């Protein structure tokens, strides 16, 4: 078993996760205003996971999928069906629903988790992505909820990717308490600073983590930066 998980942040909620020889893109708005990337024709993943259909999360997903014919989309059923229609192939999209494991190639499982937000197609979700007990939790756009304690107890995420910007999602205080509930080994903040309204900042997040006594290691990435997490 590989002892590292590679996490690259493109800014906003867009991540590239490399683990066990596979590449996953989550909410790939790769060309967001904070990202160093201006094109996506060089970016592919084995799977493209989208938490909900707001433009800042579906982002460049369809463009990437069209450029990368071996890639598949993963999303809530209604959104996956829409993406399959846009791609002209039902086989290109894996649709599921909240609460049960979705089996992917290579022994990976995805679990779509609840998220307190809105969406035009289907329910908004977070995502547990993992294999052999090594799990990554991308919360999507969400408010604080006590379900996060269940997510932490059941899936024991190596890392939690949490929104801290406020206004549309948790702010730094709520995200810090979410970290306490989830208790991941690492926590990486996201969904802040892209627009003036989402003004929550990592420094405030750090302060609240200390206030609540969280033992999770905070990793703050700049858009375009990558980190290797030890399992």
Protein backbone atom coordinates (compact mmCIF):
# COMPACT_ATOMS: atom_id res chain seq x y z
CA UNK A 1 0.00 0.00 0.00
CA UNK A 2 1.31 3.44 -0.94
CA UNK A 3 2.07 5.51 2.15
CA UNK A 4 1.23 8.89 0.62
CA UNK A 5 -1.79 10.67 -0.82
CA UNK A 6 -1.07 13.60 -3.15
CA UNK A 7 -3.40 16.58 -2.84
CA UNK A 8 -3.22 19.53 -5.24
CA UNK A 9 -5.44 22.59 -4.77
CA UNK A 10 -6.33 24.72 -7.78
CA UNK A 11 -8.16 27.29 -5.64
CA UNK A 12 -11.83 27.52 -4.65
CA UNK A 13 -13.09 23.90 -4.24
CA UNK A 14 -11.05 22.32 -7.05
CA UNK A 15 -8.67 19.51 -6.11
CA UNK A 16 -6.58 16.82 -7.74
CA UNK A 17 -6.21 13.73 -5.56
CA UNK A 18 -3.59 11.10 -6.43
CA UNK A 19 -3.79 7.83 -4.52
CA UNK A 20 -3.05 4.16 -5.21
CA UNK A 21 -2.12 4.93 -8.82
CA UNK A 22 -5.36 6.72 -9.74
CA UNK A 23 -6.12 10.41 -10.23
CA UNK A 24 -9.38 12.01 -9.09
CA UNK A 25 -10.48 15.55 -9.87
CA UNK A 26 -13.06 17.00 -7.49
CA UNK A 27 -15.19 20.06 -8.34
CA UNK A 28 -12.72 20.96 -11.10
CA UNK A 29 -13.22 24.65 -11.67
CA UNK A 30 -9.59 24.66 -12.72
CA UNK A 31 -9.68 28.14 -14.32
CA UNK A 32 -11.18 29.91 -11.30
CA UNK A 33 -9.97 33.48 -10.63
CA UNK A 34 -7.36 32.42 -8.05
CA UNK A 35 -5.93 29.52 -10.07
CA UNK A 36 -2.61 29.72 -11.93
CA UNK A 37 -4.15 27.55 -14.64
CA UNK A 38 -5.83 29.28 -17.59
CA UNK A 39 -6.44 26.16 -19.71
CA UNK A 40 -7.46 22.59 -18.99
CA UNK A 41 -6.38 20.77 -22.15
CA UNK A 42 -3.44 19.22 -20.27
CA UNK A 43 -5.45 18.09 -17.24
CA UNK A 44 -7.05 14.65 -16.96
CA UNK A 45 -8.17 12.31 -14.22
CA UNK A 46 -9.44 8.76 -14.04
CA UNK A 47 -12.59 10.12 -12.40
CA UNK A 48 -14.11 13.60 -12.24
CA UNK A 49 -16.27 13.99 -9.12
CA UNK A 50 -18.75 16.88 -8.88
CA UNK A 51 -20.52 17.67 -5.59
CA UNK A 52 -23.32 19.81 -7.09
CA UNK A 53 -24.22 21.67 -10.24
CA UNK A 54 -23.41 25.27 -9.29
CA UNK A 55 -21.09 26.77 -11.88
CA UNK A 56 -18.21 27.21 -9.46
CA UNK A 57 -18.19 23.45 -8.78
CA UNK A 58 -19.11 21.74 -12.04
CA UNK A 59 -16.62 24.27 -13.44
CA UNK A 60 -14.52 22.76 -16.25
CA UNK A 61 -15.75 19.20 -15.64
CA UNK A 62 -17.46 18.67 -19.00
CA UNK A 63 -14.56 20.20 -20.91
CA UNK A 64 -12.11 17.92 -19.12
CA UNK A 65 -14.28 14.87 -19.71
CA UNK A 66 -14.56 15.67 -23.40
CA UNK A 67 -10.78 16.11 -23.63
CA UNK A 68 -10.12 12.87 -21.72
CA UNK A 69 -12.23 10.09 -23.27
CA UNK A 70 -11.17 7.48 -20.71
CA UNK A 71 -12.33 9.62 -17.77
CA UNK A 72 -15.67 9.08 -16.05
CA UNK A 73 -17.86 11.46 -14.09
CA UNK A 74 -19.19 10.66 -10.60
CA UNK A 75 -22.09 12.64 -9.13
CA UNK A 76 -25.56 12.47 -7.60
CA UNK A 77 -27.89 10.62 -9.97
CA UNK A 78 -29.66 13.59 -11.58
CA UNK A 79 -26.44 15.50 -12.17
CA UNK A 80 -24.66 12.39 -13.49
CA UNK A 81 -27.54 11.82 -15.92
CA UNK A 82 -27.22 15.41 -17.16
CA UNK A 83 -23.47 15.02 -17.63
CA UNK A 84 -23.94 11.71 -19.45
CA UNK A 85 -26.33 13.45 -21.82
CA UNK A 86 -23.83 16.23 -22.48
CA UNK A 87 -21.15 13.61 -23.16
CA UNK A 88 -23.44 11.50 -25.32
CA UNK A 89 -22.70 8.34 -23.36
CA UNK A 90 -24.37 6.76 -20.32
CA UNK A 91 -21.17 4.79 -19.70
CA UNK A 92 -19.21 8.01 -19.08
CA UNK A 93 -21.04 8.92 -15.86
CA UNK A 94 -21.54 7.04 -12.59
CA UNK A 95 -24.65 8.23 -10.79
CA UNK A 96 -25.38 7.37 -7.19
CA UNK A 97 -27.16 8.71 -4.16
CA UNK A 98 -26.44 9.66 -0.58
CA UNK A 99 -25.33 7.15 1.99
CA UNK A 100 -24.12 3.98 0.29
CA UNK A 101 -20.75 3.00 -1.19
CA UNK A 102 -20.31 3.29 -4.96
CA UNK A 103 -17.73 0.84 -6.28
CA UNK A 104 -15.24 2.21 -8.81
CA UNK A 105 -12.49 0.48 -10.78
CA UNK A 106 -9.33 -0.50 -8.94
CA UNK A 107 -11.04 -1.25 -5.63
CA UNK A 108 -11.98 2.35 -4.86
CA UNK A 109 -15.21 3.35 -3.17
CA UNK A 110 -17.01 6.68 -3.19
CA UNK A 111 -19.69 7.58 -0.66
CA UNK A 112 -21.83 10.64 -1.32
CA UNK A 113 -22.52 12.32 2.01
CA UNK A 114 -25.12 14.91 3.02
CA UNK A 115 -24.32 18.59 2.49
CA UNK A 116 -26.41 21.52 3.71
CA UNK A 117 -26.62 23.63 0.57
CA UNK A 118 -28.68 23.97 -2.63
CA UNK A 119 -28.46 22.50 -6.12
CA UNK A 120 -30.39 22.63 -9.37
CA UNK A 121 -30.05 18.92 -10.22
CA UNK A 122 -30.38 16.44 -7.40
CA UNK A 123 -29.13 17.00 -3.87
CA UNK A 124 -25.83 18.69 -3.02
CA UNK A 125 -23.31 16.28 -1.53
CA UNK A 126 -19.94 15.87 0.04
CA UNK A 127 -17.68 13.00 -0.99
CA UNK A 128 -15.75 10.27 0.81
CA UNK A 129 -13.17 8.81 -1.56
CA UNK A 130 -11.03 5.89 -0.52
CA UNK A 131 -9.47 2.48 -0.71
CA UNK A 132 -8.15 0.05 1.91
CA UNK A 133 -9.26 2.31 4.75
CA UNK A 134 -7.47 5.40 3.43
CA UNK A 135 -10.17 8.05 2.93
CA UNK A 136 -10.33 11.64 1.71
CA UNK A 137 -13.36 13.74 2.67
CA UNK A 138 -14.33 16.68 0.44
CA UNK A 139 -17.26 18.36 2.17
CA UNK A 140 -18.55 20.19 -0.91
CA UNK A 141 -20.49 23.34 -0.13
CA UNK A 142 -22.09 22.88 3.26
CA UNK A 143 -23.05 24.36 6.56
CA UNK A 144 -22.05 22.78 9.84
CA UNK A 145 -23.97 19.61 10.67
CA UNK A 146 -23.72 16.93 13.32
CA UNK A 147 -23.58 14.27 10.58
CA UNK A 148 -19.90 15.19 10.34
CA UNK A 149 -19.30 13.34 13.61
CA UNK A 150 -20.74 10.18 12.04
CA UNK A 151 -18.58 10.72 8.94
CA UNK A 152 -15.51 10.99 11.16
CA UNK A 153 -16.35 7.94 13.26
CA UNK A 154 -17.28 5.70 10.34
CA UNK A 155 -14.74 6.67 7.67
CA UNK A 156 -11.89 8.15 9.75
CA UNK A 157 -10.70 10.48 6.95
CA UNK A 158 -6.98 10.96 6.51
CA UNK A 159 -7.75 14.51 5.39
CA UNK A 160 -10.83 16.73 5.38
CA UNK A 161 -11.16 19.43 2.72
CA UNK A 162 -13.48 21.99 4.27
CA UNK A 163 -15.02 25.28 3.07
CA UNK A 164 -14.24 28.22 5.36
CA UNK A 165 -15.34 31.24 3.31
CA UNK A 166 -18.72 31.92 4.91
CA UNK A 167 -21.86 33.43 3.34
CA UNK A 168 -22.61 30.37 1.16
CA UNK A 169 -20.88 27.77 3.36
CA UNK A 170 -19.33 27.37 6.78
CA UNK A 171 -17.09 30.17 7.93
CA UNK A 172 -13.84 29.66 9.86
CA UNK A 173 -15.54 29.10 13.23
CA UNK A 174 -18.03 26.56 11.89
CA UNK A 175 -15.33 24.79 9.88
CA UNK A 176 -13.10 24.57 12.94
CA UNK A 177 -15.90 22.92 14.92
CA UNK A 178 -16.53 20.61 11.96
CA UNK A 179 -12.86 19.61 12.14
CA UNK A 180 -13.35 18.74 15.81
CA UNK A 181 -16.33 16.53 14.91
CA UNK A 182 -14.57 14.79 11.99
CA UNK A 183 -11.14 14.55 13.65
CA UNK A 184 -9.08 13.94 10.50
CA UNK A 185 -5.30 13.60 10.63
CA UNK A 186 -5.04 16.64 8.33
CA UNK A 187 -7.40 19.46 7.41
CA UNK A 188 -7.11 21.72 4.35
CA UNK A 189 -9.31 24.83 4.00
CA UNK A 190 -11.00 25.67 0.70
CA UNK A 191 -13.76 27.84 -0.81
CA UNK A 192 -12.46 31.17 0.45
CA UNK A 193 -11.01 34.30 -1.10
CA UNK A 194 -12.33 33.65 -4.61
CA UNK A 195 -14.91 36.44 -4.32
CA UNK A 196 -15.30 39.29 -1.80
CA UNK A 197 -18.31 37.61 -0.18
CA UNK A 198 -16.38 34.50 0.89
CA UNK A 199 -13.92 36.34 3.10
CA UNK A 200 -13.17 33.71 5.75
CA UNK A 201 -9.40 33.32 6.10
CA UNK A 202 -7.01 30.53 7.17
CA UNK A 203 -5.61 32.64 10.05
CA UNK A 204 -9.06 32.86 11.61
CA UNK A 205 -9.62 29.16 10.94
CA UNK A 206 -6.35 28.35 12.72
CA UNK A 207 -7.35 30.48 15.70
CA UNK A 208 -10.65 28.64 16.11
CA UNK A 209 -8.96 25.24 15.71
CA UNK A 210 -6.75 26.14 18.65
CA UNK A 211 -9.72 27.51 20.59
CA UNK A 212 -11.65 24.24 20.17
CA UNK A 213 -8.61 22.09 20.93
CA UNK A 214 -8.47 20.29 17.59
CA UNK A 215 -5.50 17.98 17.16
CA UNK A 216 -5.78 17.84 13.34
CA UNK A 217 -2.80 19.19 11.43
CA UNK A 218 -3.73 22.30 9.44
CA UNK A 219 -2.24 22.53 5.95
CA UNK A 220 -2.81 25.79 4.08
CA UNK A 221 -2.14 25.57 0.37
CA UNK A 222 -1.85 28.34 -2.18
CA UNK A 223 -3.72 27.81 -5.46
CA UNK A 224 -1.57 25.53 -7.61
CA UNK A 225 0.31 24.03 -4.65
CA UNK A 226 0.49 20.32 -3.89
CA UNK A 227 1.19 18.40 -0.70
CA UNK A 228 2.00 14.77 0.03
CA UNK A 229 0.12 13.38 3.02
CA UNK A 230 1.56 10.49 4.99
CA UNK A 231 -0.95 7.77 5.71
